[in-house]
Protein backbone atom coordinates (compact mmCIF):
# COMPACT_ATOMS: atom_id res chain seq x y z
CA UNK A 1 0.10 0.18 0.28
CA UNK A 2 2.88 2.51 0.80
CA UNK A 3 4.86 1.69 -2.31
CA UNK A 4 1.88 3.29 -3.97
CA UNK A 5 2.14 6.36 -2.16
CA UNK A 6 5.89 7.27 -2.80
CA UNK A 7 4.85 7.73 -6.42
CA UNK A 8 1.82 10.23 -5.47
CA UNK A 9 2.24 13.83 -5.30
CA UNK A 10 2.07 15.22 -1.97
CA UNK A 11 -1.10 17.09 -0.90
CA UNK A 12 -0.34 20.28 1.19
CA UNK A 13 -2.90 21.01 3.92
CA UNK A 14 -3.47 24.28 5.02
CA UNK A 15 -4.00 25.25 8.55
CA UNK A 16 -5.20 28.62 9.11
CA UNK A 17 -4.51 30.70 12.41
CA UNK A 18 -3.43 27.24 14.24
CA UNK A 19 0.00 27.89 16.21
CA UNK A 20 -0.05 24.23 17.64
CA UNK A 21 -1.53 20.92 17.61
CA UNK A 22 -0.86 17.35 16.12
CA UNK A 23 -2.43 15.45 13.15
CA UNK A 24 -1.87 12.02 13.03
CA UNK A 25 1.76 12.64 15.13
CA UNK A 26 2.91 15.38 12.98
CA UNK A 27 4.12 18.69 14.23
CA UNK A 28 1.82 21.33 13.09
CA UNK A 29 3.21 24.40 14.75
CA UNK A 30 3.96 26.17 11.60
CA UNK A 31 2.97 29.77 10.27
CA UNK A 32 0.58 30.94 7.66
CA UNK A 33 3.03 32.00 5.23
CA UNK A 34 4.64 28.52 5.57
CA UNK A 35 1.77 26.70 4.89
CA UNK A 36 2.53 25.93 1.44
CA UNK A 37 5.85 24.85 2.12
CA UNK A 38 5.78 22.04 4.64
CA UNK A 39 4.57 18.51 3.77
CA UNK A 40 2.31 17.29 6.49
CA UNK A 41 1.84 13.53 5.85
CA UNK A 42 1.70 11.03 2.86
CA UNK A 43 -1.99 10.10 2.47
CA UNK A 44 -3.11 6.71 2.00
CA UNK A 45 -5.85 5.39 -0.57
CA UNK A 46 -8.32 5.24 2.31
CA UNK A 47 -7.79 8.27 4.21
CA UNK A 48 -8.63 11.93 3.00
CA UNK A 49 -9.49 10.29 -0.09
CA UNK A 50 -12.28 8.21 -1.92
CA UNK A 51 -11.62 4.98 -2.51
CA UNK A 52 -14.92 3.38 -4.05
CA UNK A 53 -13.86 0.14 -4.81
CA UNK A 54 -12.83 -0.79 -1.08
CA UNK A 55 -15.74 0.76 0.34
CA UNK A 56 -18.01 -1.22 -2.04
CA UNK A 57 -16.06 -4.23 -0.83
CA UNK A 58 -16.62 -3.82 2.90
CA UNK A 59 -20.03 -2.98 2.40
CA UNK A 60 -20.77 -6.08 0.16
CA UNK A 61 -19.09 -8.08 2.69
CA UNK A 62 -21.39 -6.83 5.50
CA UNK A 63 -24.55 -7.22 3.42
CA UNK A 64 -23.53 -11.09 2.91
CA UNK A 65 -23.09 -11.43 6.81
CA UNK A 66 -26.53 -9.80 7.35
CA UNK A 67 -28.13 -12.18 4.98
CA UNK A 68 -26.46 -15.08 6.42
CA UNK A 69 -27.48 -13.98 10.14
CA UNK A 70 -31.12 -13.24 9.07
CA UNK A 71 -31.24 -16.75 7.01
CA UNK A 72 -30.13 -18.63 10.15
CA UNK A 73 -32.77 -16.74 12.17
CA UNK A 74 -35.31 -17.91 9.93
CA UNK A 75 -34.44 -21.31 9.52
CA UNK A 76 -34.28 -21.97 13.06
CA UNK A 77 -37.56 -20.50 13.71
CA UNK A 78 -39.09 -22.63 10.77
CA UNK A 79 -37.69 -25.58 12.15
CA UNK A 80 -38.74 -25.06 15.77
CA UNK A 81 -42.38 -24.40 14.44
CA UNK A 82 -42.24 -27.61 12.15
CA UNK A 83 -41.24 -29.76 15.20
CA UNK A 84 -44.01 -27.96 17.49
CA UNK A 85 -46.53 -29.04 14.33
CA UNK A 86 -45.48 -32.37 13.86
CA UNK A 87 -46.01 -32.82 17.86
CA UNK A 88 -49.40 -31.54 17.65
CA UNK A 89 -50.14 -33.80 14.50
CA UNK A 90 -48.58 -36.88 16.39
CA UNK A 91 -50.97 -36.46 19.61
CA UNK A 92 -53.86 -35.93 17.47
CA UNK A 93 -53.09 -38.95 15.40
CA UNK A 94 -52.60 -41.26 18.22
CA UNK A 95 -55.86 -40.30 19.77
CA UNK A 96 -57.85 -40.64 16.85
CA UNK A 97 -56.48 -43.96 15.60
CA UNK A 98 -56.42 -45.75 19.22
CA UNK A 99 -57.77 -48.90 17.70
CA UNK A 100 -54.53 -49.35 15.15
CA UNK A 101 -51.97 -49.49 18.26
CA UNK A 102 -54.36 -51.89 20.30
CA UNK A 103 -54.84 -53.96 17.11
CA UNK A 104 -50.93 -54.37 16.59
CA UNK A 105 -50.55 -55.00 20.49
CA UNK A 106 -53.33 -57.88 20.30
CA UNK A 107 -52.28 -59.35 16.89
CA UNK A 108 -50.16 -61.76 18.29
CA UNK A 109 -52.59 -63.23 20.57
CA UNK A 110 -55.32 -63.30 17.66
CA UNK A 111 -57.43 -60.66 19.07
CA UNK A 112 -58.75 -57.47 17.24
CA UNK A 113 -59.67 -54.24 19.49
CA UNK A 114 -61.56 -51.73 17.87
CA UNK A 115 -63.03 -48.47 19.84
CA UNK A 116 -65.55 -46.24 18.29
CA UNK A 117 -66.66 -42.87 19.66
CA UNK A 118 -70.47 -42.08 18.82
CA UNK A 119 -72.43 -38.73 19.50
CA UNK A 120 -75.87 -38.94 20.78
CA UNK A 121 -78.48 -36.47 22.47
CA UNK A 122 -80.36 -37.34 25.36
CA UNK A 123 -83.87 -36.63 26.25
CA UNK A 124 -82.95 -33.31 28.11
CA UNK A 125 -81.26 -32.23 24.52
CA UNK A 126 -77.58 -32.55 26.01
CA UNK A 127 -75.09 -34.09 23.48
CA UNK A 128 -72.99 -36.97 24.99
CA UNK A 129 -70.23 -39.42 23.36
CA UNK A 130 -70.33 -43.42 23.73
CA UNK A 131 -67.02 -45.23 23.93
CA UNK A 132 -67.77 -48.31 22.80
CA UNK A 133 -64.65 -51.21 22.96
CA UNK A 134 -65.11 -54.45 21.23
CA UNK A 135 -62.88 -57.24 21.27
CA UNK A 136 -63.01 -59.95 18.56
CA UNK A 137 -61.25 -63.15 18.08
CA UNK A 138 -61.99 -65.21 14.85
CA UNK A 139 -64.44 -63.22 13.73
CA UNK A 140 -66.72 -63.22 17.02
CA UNK A 141 -67.12 -60.71 19.75
CA UNK A 142 -65.72 -61.95 23.03
CA UNK A 143 -65.98 -58.84 24.90
CA UNK A 144 -67.69 -55.54 24.71
CA UNK A 145 -68.15 -52.65 27.06
CA UNK A 146 -68.94 -48.95 26.50
CA UNK A 147 -69.39 -45.77 28.82
CA UNK A 148 -70.30 -42.36 28.18
CA UNK A 149 -68.99 -38.81 28.48
CA UNK A 150 -70.03 -35.34 27.92
CA UNK A 151 -66.71 -34.47 26.07
CA UNK A 152 -65.43 -36.22 23.24
CA UNK A 153 -61.89 -35.76 24.45
CA UNK A 154 -62.51 -37.78 27.35
CA UNK A 155 -64.45 -40.78 25.56
CA UNK A 156 -61.42 -41.00 23.53
CA UNK A 157 -58.96 -40.76 26.49
CA UNK A 158 -61.11 -43.54 28.56
CA UNK A 159 -61.34 -45.74 25.27
CA UNK A 160 -57.13 -45.57 24.89
CA UNK A 161 -56.56 -46.09 28.57
CA UNK A 162 -59.04 -49.12 29.07
CA UNK A 163 -57.56 -50.71 25.81
CA UNK A 164 -54.30 -50.81 27.11
CA UNK A 165 -55.58 -52.08 30.25
CA UNK A 166 -57.03 -54.86 28.73
CA UNK A 167 -53.80 -55.82 26.86
CA UNK A 168 -51.00 -54.98 29.53
CA UNK A 169 -52.66 -56.32 32.92
CA UNK A 170 -53.80 -59.85 31.23
CA UNK A 171 -57.43 -58.77 31.57
CA UNK A 172 -58.17 -60.81 28.47
CA UNK A 173 -57.37 -64.09 29.80
CA UNK A 174 -60.03 -62.87 32.73
CA UNK A 175 -62.76 -62.62 29.89
CA UNK A 176 -63.59 -66.10 29.62
CA UNK A 177 -63.87 -66.28 33.91
CA UNK A 178 -65.80 -63.29 34.16
CA UNK A 179 -69.28 -65.36 34.77
CA UNK A 180 -67.94 -67.09 37.48
CA UNK A 181 -69.29 -65.79 40.99
CA UNK A 182 -67.38 -65.72 44.31
CA UNK A 183 -70.40 -68.29 45.32
CA UNK A 184 -69.46 -70.54 42.38
CA UNK A 185 -65.81 -70.24 43.77
CA UNK A 186 -67.09 -71.51 47.11
CA UNK A 187 -69.34 -74.50 45.54
CA UNK A 188 -66.26 -75.68 43.30
CA UNK A 189 -64.03 -75.50 46.45
CA UNK A 190 -66.67 -77.50 48.63
CA UNK A 191 -66.87 -80.01 46.05
CA UNK A 192 -63.31 -80.70 45.29
CA UNK A 193 -61.63 -80.18 48.85
CA UNK A 194 -64.18 -81.23 51.43
CA UNK A 195 -62.91 -84.20 53.55
CA UNK A 196 -64.53 -87.48 53.77
CA UNK A 197 -65.49 -86.46 57.14
CA UNK A 198 -66.66 -83.17 56.38
CA UNK A 199 -65.15 -79.92 57.27
CA UNK A 200 -65.21 -78.23 60.91
CA UNK A 201 -68.58 -77.09 61.88
CA UNK A 202 -67.40 -73.34 62.21
CA UNK A 203 -66.12 -73.78 58.53
CA UNK A 204 -68.70 -75.23 56.83
CA UNK A 205 -71.21 -73.04 58.34
CA UNK A 206 -69.33 -70.01 57.70
CA UNK A 207 -68.70 -71.04 53.93
CA UNK A 208 -72.43 -71.57 53.23
CA UNK A 209 -73.35 -68.54 54.89
CA UNK A 210 -70.81 -66.70 53.02
CA UNK A 211 -72.70 -67.76 49.82
CA UNK A 212 -75.92 -65.55 50.76
CA UNK A 213 -73.97 -62.08 51.18
CA UNK A 214 -74.17 -59.74 48.31
CA UNK A 215 -70.18 -60.14 47.98
CA UNK A 216 -70.96 -63.87 46.73
CA UNK A 217 -72.62 -62.33 43.41
CA UNK A 218 -69.77 -60.49 42.18
CA UNK A 219 -67.45 -61.73 39.53
CA UNK A 220 -64.44 -63.37 41.35
CA UNK A 221 -61.84 -62.64 38.51
CA UNK A 222 -62.68 -58.73 39.08
CA UNK A 223 -62.67 -58.71 42.99
CA UNK A 224 -61.00 -55.44 44.50
CA UNK A 225 -59.78 -54.57 47.87
CA UNK A 226 -62.68 -52.51 47.96
CA UNK A 227 -65.44 -55.01 47.28
CA UNK A 228 -63.91 -56.66 50.45
CA UNK A 229 -63.99 -53.64 52.43
CA UNK A 230 -67.55 -53.21 51.69
CA UNK A 231 -68.56 -56.38 52.83
CA UNK A 232 -66.78 -55.77 56.17
CA UNK A 233 -68.74 -52.40 56.41
CA UNK A 234 -72.08 -54.71 55.69
CA UNK A 235 -71.07 -57.46 57.96
CA UNK A 236 -70.63 -54.73 60.80
CA UNK A 237 -73.77 -52.89 59.85
CA UNK A 238 -75.49 -56.21 61.01
CA UNK A 239 -73.97 -56.28 64.59
CA UNK A 240 -71.28 -59.07 63.20
CA UNK A 241 -68.09 -58.63 65.51
CA UNK A 242 -64.44 -58.12 64.23
CA UNK A 243 -63.38 -61.70 64.86
CA UNK A 244 -66.24 -63.15 62.91
CA UNK A 245 -65.37 -60.71 59.97
CA UNK A 246 -62.05 -61.79 60.37
CA UNK A 247 -62.83 -65.46 59.87
CA UNK A 248 -64.89 -64.51 56.64
CA UNK A 249 -61.55 -63.19 55.18
CA UNK A 250 -59.52 -66.29 56.20
CA UNK A 251 -62.31 -68.59 54.59
CA UNK A 252 -62.41 -66.74 51.52
CA UNK A 253 -58.68 -66.29 50.87
CA UNK A 254 -58.20 -70.04 51.39
CA UNK A 255 -60.93 -70.85 48.75
CA UNK A 256 -59.03 -68.21 46.24
CA UNK A 257 -55.77 -69.69 46.63
CA UNK A 258 -56.95 -73.29 46.12
CA UNK A 259 -59.23 -72.75 43.00
CA UNK A 260 -56.42 -70.82 41.62
CA UNK A 261 -54.15 -73.64 41.65
CA UNK A 262 -56.37 -76.17 40.99
CA UNK A 263 -58.31 -74.54 37.97
CA UNK A 264 -55.89 -72.10 36.61
CA UNK A 265 -58.48 -69.29 37.09
CA UNK A 266 -56.53 -65.95 37.37
CA UNK A 267 -57.82 -64.76 40.85
CA UNK A 268 -55.57 -61.92 42.29
CA UNK A 269 -54.92 -63.16 45.81
CA UNK A 270 -53.20 -59.76 47.19
CA UNK A 271 -56.50 -58.24 47.16
CA UNK A 272 -57.02 -59.71 50.79
CA UNK A 273 -53.80 -58.78 52.13
CA UNK A 274 -54.47 -55.04 50.70
CA UNK A 275 -57.81 -55.01 52.53
CA UNK A 276 -56.67 -56.50 55.66
CA UNK A 277 -54.21 -53.78 56.13
CA UNK A 278 -56.89 -50.91 56.13
CA UNK A 279 -59.13 -53.29 58.06
CA UNK A 280 -56.95 -53.79 60.74
CA UNK A 281 -55.90 -50.01 61.10
CA UNK A 282 -59.71 -49.19 61.68
CA UNK A 283 -60.18 -52.34 63.95
CA UNK A 284 -62.88 -53.93 61.75
CA UNK A 285 -61.12 -57.08 61.91
CA UNK A 286 -59.08 -58.42 64.64
CA UNK A 287 -58.63 -61.87 66.77
CA UNK A 288 -61.20 -62.75 69.34
CA UNK A 289 -61.03 -61.44 72.79
CA UNK A 290 -59.95 -64.50 75.21
CA UNK A 291 -63.04 -64.83 77.33
CA UNK A 292 -62.36 -65.00 81.15
CA UNK A 293 -65.89 -65.82 82.02
CA UNK A 294 -66.15 -68.42 84.98
CA UNK A 295 -69.35 -69.63 86.71
CA UNK A 296 -69.69 -68.90 90.28
CA UNK A 297 -70.52 -71.24 92.95
CA UNK A 298 -74.48 -69.91 92.72
CA UNK A 299 -74.56 -70.07 89.13
CA UNK A 300 -73.15 -74.08 89.12
CA UNK A 301 -75.54 -74.90 91.98
CA UNK A 302 -78.76 -73.48 90.08
CA UNK A 303 -77.51 -75.37 86.90
CA UNK A 304 -77.18 -78.47 88.86
CA UNK A 305 -80.76 -78.37 90.65
CA UNK A 306 -82.25 -77.51 87.24
CA UNK A 307 -80.68 -80.60 85.22
CA UNK A 308 -81.13 -82.88 88.43
CA UNK A 309 -84.77 -82.14 88.01
CA UNK A 310 -84.93 -83.08 84.25
CA UNK A 311 -82.54 -85.92 84.52
CA UNK A 312 -84.23 -87.76 87.49
CA UNK A 313 -87.79 -86.46 87.87
CA UNK A 314 -88.36 -85.69 84.08
CA UNK A 315 -86.66 -88.93 83.08
CA UNK A 316 -84.52 -86.80 80.32
CA UNK A 317 -82.73 -89.09 77.66
CA UNK A 318 -79.87 -86.64 77.92
CA UNK A 319 -77.98 -86.81 81.34
CA UNK A 320 -77.09 -83.01 81.45
CA UNK A 321 -76.21 -83.03 85.05
CA UNK A 322 -73.42 -85.50 84.35
CA UNK A 323 -72.51 -84.20 81.16
CA UNK A 324 -72.44 -80.63 82.60
CA UNK A 325 -69.99 -81.84 85.49
CA UNK A 326 -68.03 -83.94 83.30
CA UNK A 327 -67.23 -81.04 80.89
CA UNK A 328 -65.87 -79.15 84.31
CA UNK A 329 -63.79 -82.06 85.55
CA UNK A 330 -62.63 -83.40 82.49
CA UNK A 331 -61.98 -80.32 80.58
CA UNK A 332 -62.92 -81.74 77.54
CA UNK A 333 -64.59 -80.19 74.56
CA UNK A 334 -68.24 -80.93 74.00
CA UNK A 335 -67.67 -82.26 70.30
CA UNK A 336 -64.79 -84.41 72.34
CA UNK A 337 -66.72 -85.44 75.01
CA UNK A 338 -69.51 -87.06 72.38
CA UNK A 339 -67.04 -89.19 70.75
CA UNK A 340 -65.38 -90.81 73.49
CA UNK A 341 -65.17 -94.77 73.45
CA UNK A 342 -65.44 -97.33 75.87
CA UNK A 343 -63.01 -99.31 74.48
CA UNK A 344 -60.28 -96.69 74.44
CA UNK A 345 -60.37 -96.34 77.97
CA UNK A 346 -57.67 -98.07 80.52
CA UNK A 347 -59.22 -98.93 83.39
CA UNK A 348 -55.94 -99.41 85.15
CA UNK A 349 -54.32 -96.08 84.69
CA UNK A 350 -57.86 -94.07 84.04
CA UNK A 351 -56.84 -92.78 80.85
CA UNK A 352 -58.99 -92.12 77.58
CA UNK A 353 -58.19 -91.60 73.78
CA UNK A 354 -59.61 -88.50 71.91
CA UNK A 355 -59.61 -89.30 68.25
CA UNK A 356 -59.23 -86.76 65.79
CA UNK A 357 -58.42 -84.21 68.43
CA UNK A 358 -58.38 -80.72 67.42
CA UNK A 359 -55.54 -79.36 65.11
CA UNK A 360 -55.14 -76.61 62.80
CA UNK A 361 -53.84 -78.36 59.94
CA UNK A 362 -54.05 -82.25 60.79
CA UNK A 363 -57.30 -83.27 62.69
CA UNK A 364 -57.90 -86.26 60.88
CA UNK A 365 -55.95 -89.35 62.70
CA UNK A 366 -54.65 -86.79 65.33
CA UNK A 367 -55.46 -89.36 68.38
CA UNK A 368 -54.41 -88.66 71.59
CA UNK A 369 -54.52 -90.10 74.89
CA UNK A 370 -55.62 -87.90 78.11
CA UNK A 371 -55.89 -88.50 81.94
CA UNK A 372 -59.19 -88.47 83.56
CA UNK A 373 -59.57 -86.66 86.98
CA UNK A 374 -60.80 -88.53 89.90
CA UNK A 375 -64.25 -87.17 89.59
CA UNK A 376 -64.50 -87.43 86.08
CA UNK A 377 -63.68 -90.92 86.13
CA UNK A 378 -66.29 -91.84 88.48
CA UNK A 379 -68.73 -89.89 86.53
CA UNK A 380 -67.79 -92.31 83.51
CA UNK A 381 -68.35 -95.48 85.73
CA UNK A 382 -72.02 -94.14 86.14
CA UNK A 383 -73.23 -94.28 82.64
CA UNK A 384 -74.47 -97.43 81.30
CA UNK A 385 -72.75 -99.48 78.71
CA UNK A 386 -75.34 -100.04 76.21
CA UNK A 387 -73.53 -98.13 73.54
CA UNK A 388 -69.75 -98.06 72.29
CA UNK A 389 -69.83 -94.34 73.14
CA UNK A 390 -69.89 -93.13 76.49
CA UNK A 391 -72.08 -90.28 75.67
CA UNK A 392 -73.51 -91.19 72.40
CA UNK A 393 -75.61 -87.62 71.91
CA UNK A 394 -75.22 -85.05 69.61
CA UNK A 395 -72.71 -82.00 70.77
CA UNK A 396 -75.10 -79.47 69.23
CA UNK A 397 -77.98 -81.08 71.62
CA UNK A 398 -76.22 -80.63 74.87
CA UNK A 399 -74.96 -76.96 73.70
CA UNK A 400 -78.74 -75.92 73.28
CA UNK A 401 -79.86 -77.61 76.41
CA UNK A 402 -77.35 -75.93 78.32
CA UNK A 403 -77.66 -72.62 76.65
CA UNK A 404 -81.69 -72.76 77.14
CA UNK A 405 -80.91 -73.64 81.07
CA UNK A 406 -78.71 -70.51 81.35
CA UNK A 407 -81.60 -68.19 79.57
CA UNK A 408 -84.33 -69.77 82.24
CA UNK A 409 -82.21 -69.22 85.18
CA UNK A 410 -81.17 -65.83 84.40
CA UNK A 411 -77.60 -66.77 83.84
CA UNK A 412 -76.11 -64.37 81.59
CA UNK A 413 -73.22 -64.74 79.19
CA UNK A 414 -71.97 -68.39 80.07
CA UNK A 415 -71.38 -70.83 77.57
CA UNK A 416 -70.99 -75.05 77.89
CA UNK A 417 -67.09 -74.19 76.86
CA UNK A 418 -66.75 -72.19 79.62
CA UNK A 419 -67.04 -75.28 81.74
CA UNK A 420 -63.45 -76.43 80.12
CA UNK A 421 -61.90 -73.33 81.19
CA UNK A 422 -63.23 -73.76 84.57
CA UNK A 423 -61.89 -77.30 84.84
CA UNK A 424 -58.11 -75.87 83.63
CA UNK A 425 -58.22 -73.19 86.19
CA UNK A 426 -59.31 -75.60 89.04
CA UNK A 427 -56.46 -77.89 88.07
CA UNK A 428 -53.71 -74.85 88.47
CA UNK A 429 -55.39 -73.79 91.59
CA UNK A 430 -55.02 -77.39 93.11
CA UNK A 431 -50.90 -76.90 92.23
CA UNK A 432 -50.54 -78.86 89.08
CA UNK A 433 -48.07 -77.42 86.51
CA UNK A 434 -48.56 -76.74 82.87
CA UNK A 435 -47.01 -79.70 81.68
CA UNK A 436 -49.47 -81.81 83.96
CA UNK A 437 -52.37 -79.65 83.24
CA UNK A 438 -51.61 -80.25 79.21
CA UNK A 439 -52.09 -84.06 79.87
CA UNK A 440 -55.88 -83.15 80.95
CA UNK A 441 -56.51 -80.78 78.53
CA UNK A 442 -54.45 -81.91 75.46
CA UNK A 443 -53.60 -78.23 74.84
CA UNK A 444 -50.77 -78.11 71.69
CA UNK A 445 -49.76 -74.63 73.13
CA UNK A 446 -48.54 -74.12 76.45
CA UNK A 447 -49.11 -70.29 75.72
CA UNK A 448 -52.69 -70.85 75.08
CA UNK A 449 -53.06 -73.06 78.02
CA UNK A 450 -51.77 -70.06 80.24
CA UNK A 451 -54.23 -67.96 78.45
CA UNK A 452 -57.09 -70.20 79.75
CA UNK A 453 -55.81 -70.10 83.50
CA UNK A 454 -58.10 -67.48 84.91
CA UNK A 455 -57.09 -67.43 88.25
CA UNK A 456 -58.91 -65.50 90.75
CA UNK A 457 -56.78 -63.54 93.26
CA UNK A 458 -59.27 -64.33 96.31
CA UNK A 459 -58.31 -68.23 95.68
CA UNK A 460 -54.59 -67.76 96.29
């Protein structure tokens, strides 16, 4: 650039009436007379001189940069707009073509699911939308359900969610079992699993009673914890206690587990655990309270006098006086008393045998030998030997006789089974240890036996 300036003619710049100053680093303190004689500086092509080609190049460069910047901004804006538009189009297509996705998911299983939204007008003149889901297999409709909504978008959303549920949660497998109710399950359980000698009296009664409740009419495969909680509220409204309500769930969960394993019905067993957690928190189910009721001497005297008249004056067939005191002295259950055999007694050792003694899981064949007390042995020897059974009577009969006698005599809240508790307590009061008392009462668990002691402070 400066090589060109060398060949240019210097330009003299006149500075009028200035005595000092610098211009681009040159001393400018000259007089007016010498203005035309002193050279100030060489001038470049772009300083104090118009170079059109250079300026045009700069302007063109800036113009190109501006155009590229505007193009980049526009391109970014268009891309963002296109992405947002595609998202909206995808969502709309996803909601309007729900059945295509469902059909794709169900194709490997041979099912074809279609959801249709139909608009209709009610009698009140309002518009509603009906979502109808139909599932076909081999050209036949195997399941159909519908629901109405006030808005079309709600109907489409419900149809989408419901179709996914039918596929993901295995509900299609439950469709062929949807007609089986809880009552049907109980009937199948009784047919398949009832022992030869039948269920226990309590279990058999409770299972048959469960078939008459509103819960038994519900489909078993779609039973929910809410249904079980509603059953607890219903039972509570009828005066049923928490322990009895808890037994309902024990029997029902056993039925569900057995039928699920034996028939392969897709039953949900976890609903019982979920319902129990809530019901226990609100004390709607719990273990039965241990009874501490012991008959007083006056009550025993009244009962003895009443049964003595029945047995000896009225010539009653059932010797309730002997049975009542045998229950107390032997600590036997009423059902065990009515199953005792003469042939099982040991005359020398004064022992007897309880066949099929009570046990949580293995009652059949659970024979146990027990020790007669002196008073109980005397009562046994008084009985006639005209039957293989020592007391050949129905346990329900003797229990009903005892309950009626207490009602007539004004004795409140006393049961025949309470005499067993009284007998166990008297053995402890006589000085027997837990191990020795267990030989009389045949309790499996010593903790349970300890709960039955019911000792009186005044007897110590």
